[in-house]
C-alpha atoms as a PDB file:
ATOM      1  CA  MET A   1     -44.190 187.764 -44.260  1.00  0.00           C
ATOM      2  CA  LEU A   2     -42.415 187.525 -40.940  1.00  0.00           C
ATOM      3  CA  VAL A   3     -44.650 188.714 -38.095  1.00  0.00           C
ATOM      4  CA  ALA A   4     -42.675 187.632 -35.010  1.00  0.00           C
ATOM      5  CA  ALA A   5     -39.490 185.913 -33.918  1.00  0.00           C
ATOM      6  CA  ALA A   6     -38.145 184.488 -30.688  1.00  0.00           C
ATOM      7  CA  LEU A   7     -34.413 184.049 -30.215  1.00  0.00           C
ATOM      8  CA  CYS A   8     -33.111 181.519 -27.713  1.00  0.00           C
ATOM      9  CA  PRO A   9     -29.865 179.725 -26.968  1.00  0.00           C
ATOM     10  CA  CYS A  10     -29.773 175.974 -27.513  1.00  0.00           C
ATOM     11  CA  PRO A  11     -27.662 174.263 -24.844  1.00  0.00           C
ATOM     12  CA  PRO A  12     -29.250 170.958 -23.762  1.00  0.00           C
ATOM     13  CA  LEU A  13     -28.608 172.203 -20.203  1.00  0.00           C
ATOM     14  CA  LEU A  14     -31.598 174.490 -20.742  1.00  0.00           C
ATOM     15  CA  VAL A  15     -33.720 171.381 -20.190  1.00  0.00           C
ATOM     16  CA  PRO A  16     -33.914 170.843 -16.403  1.00  0.00           C
ATOM     17  CA  GLU A  17     -33.803 167.060 -16.666  1.00  0.00           C
ATOM     18  CA  VAL A  18     -30.493 167.309 -18.521  1.00  0.00           C
ATOM     19  CA  ALA A  19     -29.060 169.948 -16.188  1.00  0.00           C
ATOM     20  CA  ALA A  20     -30.126 167.938 -13.109  1.00  0.00           C
ATOM     21  CA  GLY A  21     -28.625 169.556  -9.990  1.00  0.00           C
ATOM     22  CA  ALA A  22     -27.336 172.522 -11.994  1.00  0.00           C
ATOM     23  CA  ALA A  23     -30.806 173.365 -13.333  1.00  0.00           C
ATOM     24  CA  PRO A  24     -31.381 176.358 -10.979  1.00  0.00           C
ATOM     25  CA  GLU A  25     -28.325 178.089 -12.449  1.00  0.00           C
ATOM     26  CA  LEU A  26     -30.252 178.655 -15.682  1.00  0.00           C
ATOM     27  CA  ASP A  27     -33.667 179.432 -14.187  1.00  0.00           C
ATOM     28  CA  VAL A  28     -33.586 183.110 -15.191  1.00  0.00           C
ATOM     29  CA  LEU A  29     -32.388 182.349 -18.712  1.00  0.00           C
ATOM     30  CA  ARG A  30     -34.976 179.585 -19.053  1.00  0.00           C
ATOM     31  CA  ALA A  31     -37.755 181.959 -18.008  1.00  0.00           C
ATOM     32  CA  ALA A  32     -36.547 184.572 -20.505  1.00  0.00           C
ATOM     33  CA  CYS A  33     -36.660 181.978 -23.277  1.00  0.00           C
ATOM     34  CA  LEU A  34     -40.216 181.003 -22.396  1.00  0.00           C
ATOM     35  CA  ASP A  35     -41.188 184.691 -22.401  1.00  0.00           C
ATOM     36  CA  ALA A  36     -39.650 185.046 -25.865  1.00  0.00           C
ATOM     37  CA  VAL A  37     -41.498 182.015 -27.204  1.00  0.00           C
ATOM     38  CA  GLY A  38     -44.722 183.418 -25.759  1.00  0.00           C
ATOM     39  CA  VAL A  39     -44.728 186.273 -28.278  1.00  0.00           C
ATOM     40  CA  LEU A  40     -45.013 183.839 -31.175  1.00  0.00           C
ATOM     41  CA  ALA A  41     -48.523 182.622 -30.386  1.00  0.00           C
ATOM     42  CA  ALA A  42     -49.627 186.200 -29.708  1.00  0.00           C
ATOM     43  CA  ALA A  43     -48.676 187.104 -33.296  1.00  0.00           C
ATOM     44  CA  ARG A  44     -51.232 184.577 -34.648  1.00  0.00           C
ATOM     45  CA  PRO A  45     -48.965 183.082 -37.330  1.00  0.00           C
ATOM     46  CA  ASP A  46     -50.150 180.561 -39.875  1.00  0.00           C
ATOM     47  CA  ARG A  47     -46.726 178.883 -40.014  1.00  0.00           C
ATOM     48  CA  LEU A  48     -43.978 178.449 -37.429  1.00  0.00           C
ATOM     49  CA  VAL A  49     -40.470 177.376 -38.370  1.00  0.00           C
ATOM     50  CA  VAL A  50     -37.892 176.452 -35.743  1.00  0.00           C
ATOM     51  CA  LEU A  51     -34.371 177.239 -36.961  1.00  0.00           C
ATOM     52  CA  GLY A  52     -31.466 175.426 -35.351  1.00  0.00           C
ATOM     53  CA  PRO A  53     -27.731 175.333 -36.093  1.00  0.00           C
ATOM     54  CA  THR A  54     -26.369 171.954 -37.070  1.00  0.00           C
ATOM     55  CA  ASP A  55     -23.655 170.152 -38.977  1.00  0.00           C
ATOM     56  CA  GLU A  56     -24.090 168.803 -42.495  1.00  0.00           C
ATOM     57  CA  ALA A  57     -25.687 165.577 -41.257  1.00  0.00           C
ATOM     58  CA  GLY A  58     -28.508 167.448 -39.534  1.00  0.00           C
ATOM     59  CA  ARG A  59     -29.255 170.089 -42.135  1.00  0.00           C
ATOM     60  CA  GLY A  60     -32.554 170.366 -43.958  1.00  0.00           C
ATOM     61  CA  ALA A  61     -36.237 170.231 -43.139  1.00  0.00           C
ATOM     62  CA  TYR A  62     -37.961 168.357 -40.322  1.00  0.00           C
ATOM     63  CA  PRO A  63     -41.756 167.967 -40.596  1.00  0.00           C
ATOM     64  CA  GLN A  64     -44.284 168.458 -37.871  1.00  0.00           C
ATOM     65  CA  GLY A  65     -44.260 165.381 -35.672  1.00  0.00           C
ATOM     66  CA  ALA A  66     -40.500 164.850 -35.900  1.00  0.00           C
ATOM     67  CA  THR A  67     -39.040 163.657 -32.610  1.00  0.00           C
ATOM     68  CA  GLY A  68     -35.831 164.263 -30.732  1.00  0.00           C
ATOM     69  CA  THR A  69     -34.149 162.698 -27.751  1.00  0.00           C
ATOM     70  CA  PHE A  70     -31.742 163.771 -25.023  1.00  0.00           C
ATOM     71  CA  ARG A  71     -30.537 160.213 -24.485  1.00  0.00           C
ATOM     72  CA  GLY A  72     -27.113 161.240 -25.767  1.00  0.00           C
ATOM     73  CA  PHE A  73     -26.906 163.638 -22.821  1.00  0.00           C
ATOM     74  CA  GLY A  74     -27.683 160.954 -20.273  1.00  0.00           C
ATOM     75  CA  VAL A  75     -31.438 161.499 -19.982  1.00  0.00           C
ATOM     76  CA  ASP A  76     -34.154 159.269 -21.438  1.00  0.00           C
ATOM     77  CA  LEU A  77     -36.301 162.222 -22.461  1.00  0.00           C
ATOM     78  CA  HIS A  78     -38.061 162.548 -25.803  1.00  0.00           C
ATOM     79  CA  VAL A  79     -39.641 165.598 -27.445  1.00  0.00           C
ATOM     80  CA  ARG A  80     -41.883 166.091 -30.452  1.00  0.00           C
ATOM     81  CA  LEU A  81     -42.062 169.013 -32.856  1.00  0.00           C
ATOM     82  CA  GLY A  82     -45.745 169.844 -32.699  1.00  0.00           C
ATOM     83  CA  ALA A  83     -48.491 167.630 -31.387  1.00  0.00           C
ATOM     84  CA  PHE A  84     -48.957 165.374 -34.386  1.00  0.00           C
ATOM     85  CA  GLY A  85     -47.506 164.472 -37.734  1.00  0.00           C
ATOM     86  CA  PRO A  86     -46.159 161.617 -39.839  1.00  0.00           C
ATOM     87  CA  ALA A  87     -43.715 159.063 -38.480  1.00  0.00           C
ATOM     88  CA  PRO A  88     -40.304 160.758 -38.415  1.00  0.00           C
ATOM     89  CA  GLU A  89     -37.558 159.535 -40.715  1.00  0.00           C
ATOM     90  CA  ARG A  90     -34.741 160.926 -38.544  1.00  0.00           C
ATOM     91  CA  ASP A  91     -34.291 162.448 -35.112  1.00  0.00           C
ATOM     92  CA  LEU A  92     -34.165 166.173 -34.566  1.00  0.00           C
ATOM     93  CA  PRO A  93     -30.653 167.552 -34.040  1.00  0.00           C
ATOM     94  CA  PRO A  94     -29.944 168.828 -30.504  1.00  0.00           C
ATOM     95  CA  SER A  95     -30.665 172.485 -31.300  1.00  0.00           C
ATOM     96  CA  LEU A  96     -34.113 171.677 -32.697  1.00  0.00           C
ATOM     97  CA  SER A  97     -34.787 169.286 -29.828  1.00  0.00           C
ATOM     98  CA  VAL A  98     -34.239 172.151 -27.383  1.00  0.00           C
ATOM     99  CA  GLY A  99     -36.561 174.285 -29.502  1.00  0.00           C
ATOM    100  CA  ALA A 100     -39.206 171.565 -29.451  1.00  0.00           C
ATOM    101  CA  TRP A 101     -38.857 171.350 -25.674  1.00  0.00           C
ATOM    102  CA  LEU A 102     -39.394 175.115 -25.339  1.00  0.00           C
ATOM    103  CA  LEU A 103     -42.541 174.935 -27.471  1.00  0.00           C
ATOM    104  CA  SER A 104     -43.838 172.089 -25.319  1.00  0.00           C
ATOM    105  CA  ARG A 105     -43.576 174.343 -22.257  1.00  0.00           C
ATOM    106  CA  THR A 106     -45.753 177.118 -23.689  1.00  0.00           C
ATOM    107  CA  ASP A 107     -49.334 177.495 -24.900  1.00  0.00           C
ATOM    108  CA  TRP A 108     -48.684 177.295 -28.597  1.00  0.00           C
ATOM    109  CA  ALA A 109     -51.022 178.529 -31.342  1.00  0.00           C
ATOM    110  CA  ASP A 110     -52.867 176.175 -33.659  1.00  0.00           C
ATOM    111  CA  ALA A 111     -50.481 176.581 -36.576  1.00  0.00           C
ATOM    112  CA  PRO A 112     -48.239 174.130 -38.466  1.00  0.00           C
ATOM    113  CA  VAL A 113     -44.798 173.734 -36.893  1.00  0.00           C
ATOM    114  CA  GLU A 114     -41.716 172.670 -38.819  1.00  0.00           C
ATOM    115  CA  GLY A 115     -38.006 172.484 -38.132  1.00  0.00           C
ATOM    116  CA  LEU A 116     -35.101 173.564 -40.294  1.00  0.00           C
ATOM    117  CA  GLY A 117     -31.505 172.608 -39.546  1.00  0.00           C
ATOM    118  CA  VAL A 118     -29.158 175.334 -40.808  1.00  0.00           C
ATOM    119  CA  THR A 119     -25.533 174.384 -41.355  1.00  0.00           C
ATOM    120  CA  GLU A 120     -23.313 176.532 -39.140  1.00  0.00           C
ATOM    121  CA  SER A 121     -20.921 177.145 -42.037  1.00  0.00           C
ATOM    122  CA  LEU A 122     -23.592 178.414 -44.467  1.00  0.00           C
ATOM    123  CA  THR A 123     -22.447 181.726 -45.947  1.00  0.00           C
ATOM    124  CA  GLY A 124     -24.171 184.925 -44.959  1.00  0.00           C
ATOM    125  CA  ASP A 125     -25.493 185.566 -48.470  1.00  0.00           C
ATOM    126  CA  ARG A 126     -27.076 182.120 -48.627  1.00  0.00           C
ATOM    127  CA  CYS A 127     -28.473 182.520 -45.121  1.00  0.00           C
ATOM    128  CA  ARG A 128     -30.220 185.762 -45.991  1.00  0.00           C
ATOM    129  CA  ALA A 129     -31.540 184.307 -49.252  1.00  0.00           C
ATOM    130  CA  LEU A 130     -32.967 181.372 -47.302  1.00  0.00           C
ATOM    131  CA  GLY A 131     -34.603 183.817 -44.912  1.00  0.00           C
ATOM    132  CA  ARG A 132     -36.272 185.664 -47.775  1.00  0.00           C
ATOM    133  CA  GLU A 133     -37.632 182.371 -49.104  1.00  0.00           C
ATOM    134  CA  LEU A 134     -39.073 181.545 -45.692  1.00  0.00           C
ATOM    135  CA  ALA A 135     -40.692 184.975 -45.370  1.00  0.00           C
ATOM    136  CA  ALA A 136     -42.386 184.510 -48.748  1.00  0.00           C
ATOM    137  CA  SER A 137     -43.678 181.049 -47.805  1.00  0.00           C
ATOM    138  CA  ALA A 138     -46.596 182.186 -45.626  1.00  0.00           C
ATOM    139  CA  PRO A 139     -48.749 185.286 -45.128  1.00  0.00           C
ATOM    140  CA  ARG A 140     -47.923 185.244 -41.407  1.00  0.00           C
ATOM    141  CA  LEU A 141     -44.650 183.496 -40.573  1.00  0.00           C
ATOM    142  CA  ALA A 142     -43.137 183.171 -37.094  1.00  0.00           C
ATOM    143  CA  LEU A 143     -39.602 181.958 -36.388  1.00  0.00           C
ATOM    144  CA  LEU A 144     -38.118 180.365 -33.289  1.00  0.00           C
ATOM    145  CA  VAL A 145     -34.409 180.965 -33.814  1.00  0.00           C
ATOM    146  CA  MET A 146     -32.042 178.821 -31.777  1.00  0.00           C
ATOM    147  CA  GLY A 147     -28.313 179.468 -31.453  1.00  0.00           C
ATOM    148  CA  ASP A 148     -25.487 180.257 -29.045  1.00  0.00           C
ATOM    149  CA  GLY A 149     -22.848 182.932 -28.999  1.00  0.00           C
ATOM    150  CA  SER A 150     -19.147 182.248 -28.588  1.00  0.00           C
ATOM    151  CA  ALA A 151     -18.014 179.132 -26.738  1.00  0.00           C
ATOM    152  CA  ARG A 152     -14.723 180.849 -25.913  1.00  0.00           C
ATOM    153  CA  ARG A 153     -15.756 183.308 -23.204  1.00  0.00           C
ATOM    154  CA  SER A 154     -13.638 181.892 -20.339  1.00  0.00           C
ATOM    155  CA  LEU A 155     -10.709 179.623 -19.550  1.00  0.00           C
ATOM    156  CA  LYS A 156     -13.131 176.797 -18.739  1.00  0.00           C
ATOM    157  CA  ALA A 157     -15.258 177.350 -21.846  1.00  0.00           C
ATOM    158  CA  PRO A 158     -15.557 174.471 -24.342  1.00  0.00           C
ATOM    159  CA  GLY A 159     -13.192 176.277 -26.723  1.00  0.00           C
ATOM    160  CA  TYR A 160     -10.931 177.884 -24.088  1.00  0.00           C
ATOM    161  CA  PHE A 161     -10.612 181.676 -23.756  1.00  0.00           C
ATOM    162  CA  ASP A 162     -10.392 184.096 -26.660  1.00  0.00           C
ATOM    163  CA  GLU A 163     -10.202 187.801 -25.869  1.00  0.00           C
ATOM    164  CA  ARG A 164     -12.293 188.638 -28.952  1.00  0.00           C
ATOM    165  CA  ALA A 165     -15.269 186.589 -27.796  1.00  0.00           C
ATOM    166  CA  ALA A 166     -16.873 189.066 -25.386  1.00  0.00           C
ATOM    167  CA  ASP A 167     -16.855 191.896 -27.925  1.00  0.00           C
ATOM    168  CA  PHE A 168     -18.339 189.684 -30.640  1.00  0.00           C
ATOM    169  CA  ASP A 169     -21.105 188.489 -28.338  1.00  0.00           C
ATOM    170  CA  ALA A 170     -21.837 192.029 -27.143  1.00  0.00           C
ATOM    171  CA  ALA A 171     -22.213 193.227 -30.735  1.00  0.00           C
ATOM    172  CA  ALA A 172     -24.431 190.272 -31.607  1.00  0.00           C
ATOM    173  CA  ALA A 173     -26.600 190.833 -28.524  1.00  0.00           C
ATOM    174  CA  ARG A 174     -27.042 194.508 -29.405  1.00  0.00           C
ATOM    175  CA  ALA A 175     -28.087 193.581 -32.930  1.00  0.00           C
ATOM    176  CA  LEU A 176     -30.495 190.878 -31.749  1.00  0.00           C
ATOM    177  CA  GLY A 177     -31.984 193.139 -29.105  1.00  0.00           C
ATOM    178  CA  ALA A 178     -32.488 196.005 -31.539  1.00  0.00           C
ATOM    179  CA  ALA A 179     -33.602 193.890 -34.530  1.00  0.00           C
ATOM    180  CA  ASP A 180     -30.709 195.514 -36.402  1.00  0.00           C
ATOM    181  CA  LEU A 181     -30.702 193.667 -39.716  1.00  0.00           C
ATOM    182  CA  ALA A 182     -27.651 195.432 -41.114  1.00  0.00           C
ATOM    183  CA  ALA A 183     -25.578 194.606 -38.040  1.00  0.00           C
ATOM    184  CA  LEU A 184     -26.640 190.953 -38.171  1.00  0.00           C
ATOM    185  CA  ALA A 185     -25.827 190.750 -41.870  1.00  0.00           C
ATOM    186  CA  ALA A 186     -22.395 192.229 -41.152  1.00  0.00           C
ATOM    187  CA  LEU A 187     -21.387 189.592 -38.584  1.00  0.00           C
ATOM    188  CA  ASP A 188     -17.965 188.252 -39.573  1.00  0.00           C
ATOM    189  CA  GLU A 189     -18.368 184.636 -40.672  1.00  0.00           C
ATOM    190  CA  GLU A 190     -14.715 183.672 -40.234  1.00  0.00           C
ATOM    191  CA  LEU A 191     -14.479 185.300 -36.819  1.00  0.00           C
ATOM    192  CA  ALA A 192     -17.705 183.607 -35.748  1.00  0.00           C
ATOM    193  CA  ALA A 193     -16.252 180.251 -36.768  1.00  0.00           C
ATOM    194  CA  ASP A 194     -13.008 180.956 -34.886  1.00  0.00           C
ATOM    195  CA  LEU A 195     -15.000 181.858 -31.781  1.00  0.00           C
ATOM    196  CA  LEU A 196     -17.232 178.766 -32.042  1.00  0.00           C
ATOM    197  CA  VAL A 197     -20.415 180.823 -32.441  1.00  0.00           C
ATOM    198  CA  SER A 198     -23.160 178.343 -33.338  1.00  0.00           C
ATOM    199  CA  GLY A 199     -25.928 180.909 -33.843  1.00  0.00           C
ATOM    200  CA  ARG A 200     -24.438 183.075 -36.596  1.00  0.00           C
ATOM    201  CA  SER A 201     -26.031 181.266 -39.544  1.00  0.00           C
ATOM    202  CA  CYS A 202     -29.520 181.154 -38.003  1.00  0.00           C
ATOM    203  CA  TRP A 203     -29.297 184.805 -36.980  1.00  0.00           C
ATOM    204  CA  GLN A 204     -28.469 185.740 -40.555  1.00  0.00           C
ATOM    205  CA  VAL A 205     -31.381 183.654 -41.864  1.00  0.00           C
ATOM    206  CA  LEU A 206     -33.550 185.732 -39.539  1.00  0.00           C
ATOM    207  CA  ALA A 207     -32.019 188.930 -40.933  1.00  0.00           C
ATOM    208  CA  GLY A 208     -33.070 187.900 -44.431  1.00  0.00           C
ATOM    209  CA  ALA A 209     -36.565 186.891 -43.331  1.00  0.00           C
ATOM    210  CA  ALA A 210     -37.132 190.183 -41.515  1.00  0.00           C
ATOM    211  CA  GLU A 211     -36.323 192.444 -44.458  1.00  0.00           C
ATOM    212  CA  GLY A 212     -39.188 194.877 -44.909  1.00  0.00           C
ATOM    213  CA  ALA A 213     -41.139 193.490 -41.951  1.00  0.00           C
ATOM    214  CA  GLY A 214     -40.565 196.474 -39.653  1.00  0.00           C
ATOM    215  CA  LEU A 215     -40.147 194.370 -36.513  1.00  0.00           C
ATOM    216  CA  ARG A 216     -38.893 195.775 -33.217  1.00  0.00           C
ATOM    217  CA  GLY A 217     -36.590 193.861 -30.924  1.00  0.00           C
ATOM    218  CA  GLN A 218     -36.305 193.435 -27.174  1.00  0.00           C
ATOM    219  CA  LEU A 219     -33.315 191.885 -25.431  1.00  0.00           C
ATOM    220  CA  LEU A 220     -34.626 189.744 -22.578  1.00  0.00           C
ATOM    221  CA  ARG A 221     -31.436 188.150 -21.257  1.00  0.00           C
ATOM    222  CA  GLU A 222     -27.699 187.970 -21.969  1.00  0.00           C
ATOM    223  CA  GLU A 223     -25.251 185.860 -19.981  1.00  0.00           C
ATOM    224  CA  ALA A 224     -22.335 183.445 -20.281  1.00  0.00           C
ATOM    225  CA  PRO A 225     -22.499 181.164 -17.220  1.00  0.00           C
ATOM    226  CA  TYR A 226     -20.355 178.353 -18.622  1.00  0.00           C
ATOM    227  CA  GLY A 227     -18.087 180.371 -20.874  1.00  0.00           C
ATOM    228  CA  VAL A 228     -20.685 180.277 -23.690  1.00  0.00           C
ATOM    229  CA  GLY A 229     -22.683 183.324 -24.740  1.00  0.00           C
ATOM    230  CA  TYR A 230     -26.452 182.963 -24.367  1.00  0.00           C
ATOM    231  CA  VAL A 231     -29.009 185.515 -25.581  1.00  0.00           C
ATOM    232  CA  ALA A 232     -32.802 185.546 -25.349  1.00  0.00           C
ATOM    233  CA  ALA A 233     -34.731 188.151 -27.345  1.00  0.00           C
ATOM    234  CA  ALA A 234     -38.097 188.743 -28.964  1.00  0.00           C
ATOM    235  CA  TRP A 235     -39.022 190.510 -32.187  1.00  0.00           C
ATOM    236  CA  THR A 236     -42.577 191.774 -32.699  1.00  0.00           C
END
């Protein structure tokens, strides 16, 4: 059963070493993410799963002890998912690496930690079914859900400007802040793809996992500093 969830964006710029001189620009967002992650340990879970959007190559499970690197972003920084585990067979994708970094910055509970790369194109029905499977996998499950909103919020955004982006992100932020499962399930998959929303699939996995859990949401931060929508929230 799902007992808590933290929702965070996953830009590598969230890591100060990657952001370098621009790091202070995300200080407030970074603090909100750490606050969100803090609720997970307080829920005393017996299993934590970090969900992160990825392409087909990065999909699937990553065991405790899997490592990631930010070398591709110009920084020789490595992270580990949990404190110990078997030798990793493959590196964490960027979204899970950011999640691992967030966990490393908090006092985490003594519970197994795993990663799960969720393909961004996974259909909503399959996402929710996956969430139900996760919820049934442990008596007390916690999720760290990584994912960004639209990357088309401004002219300088990675995907250029789309006038639909702000409304989509506002609706998603309301749903994430209110733990509104129906609204998350109703997010338009095609529109999300058009708007370059990386978080849609992971958010809908969360919606499936939270069915019947009675969790309440709190929106901690919403912004789009680089033309990409970022949301931090906590469900308890």
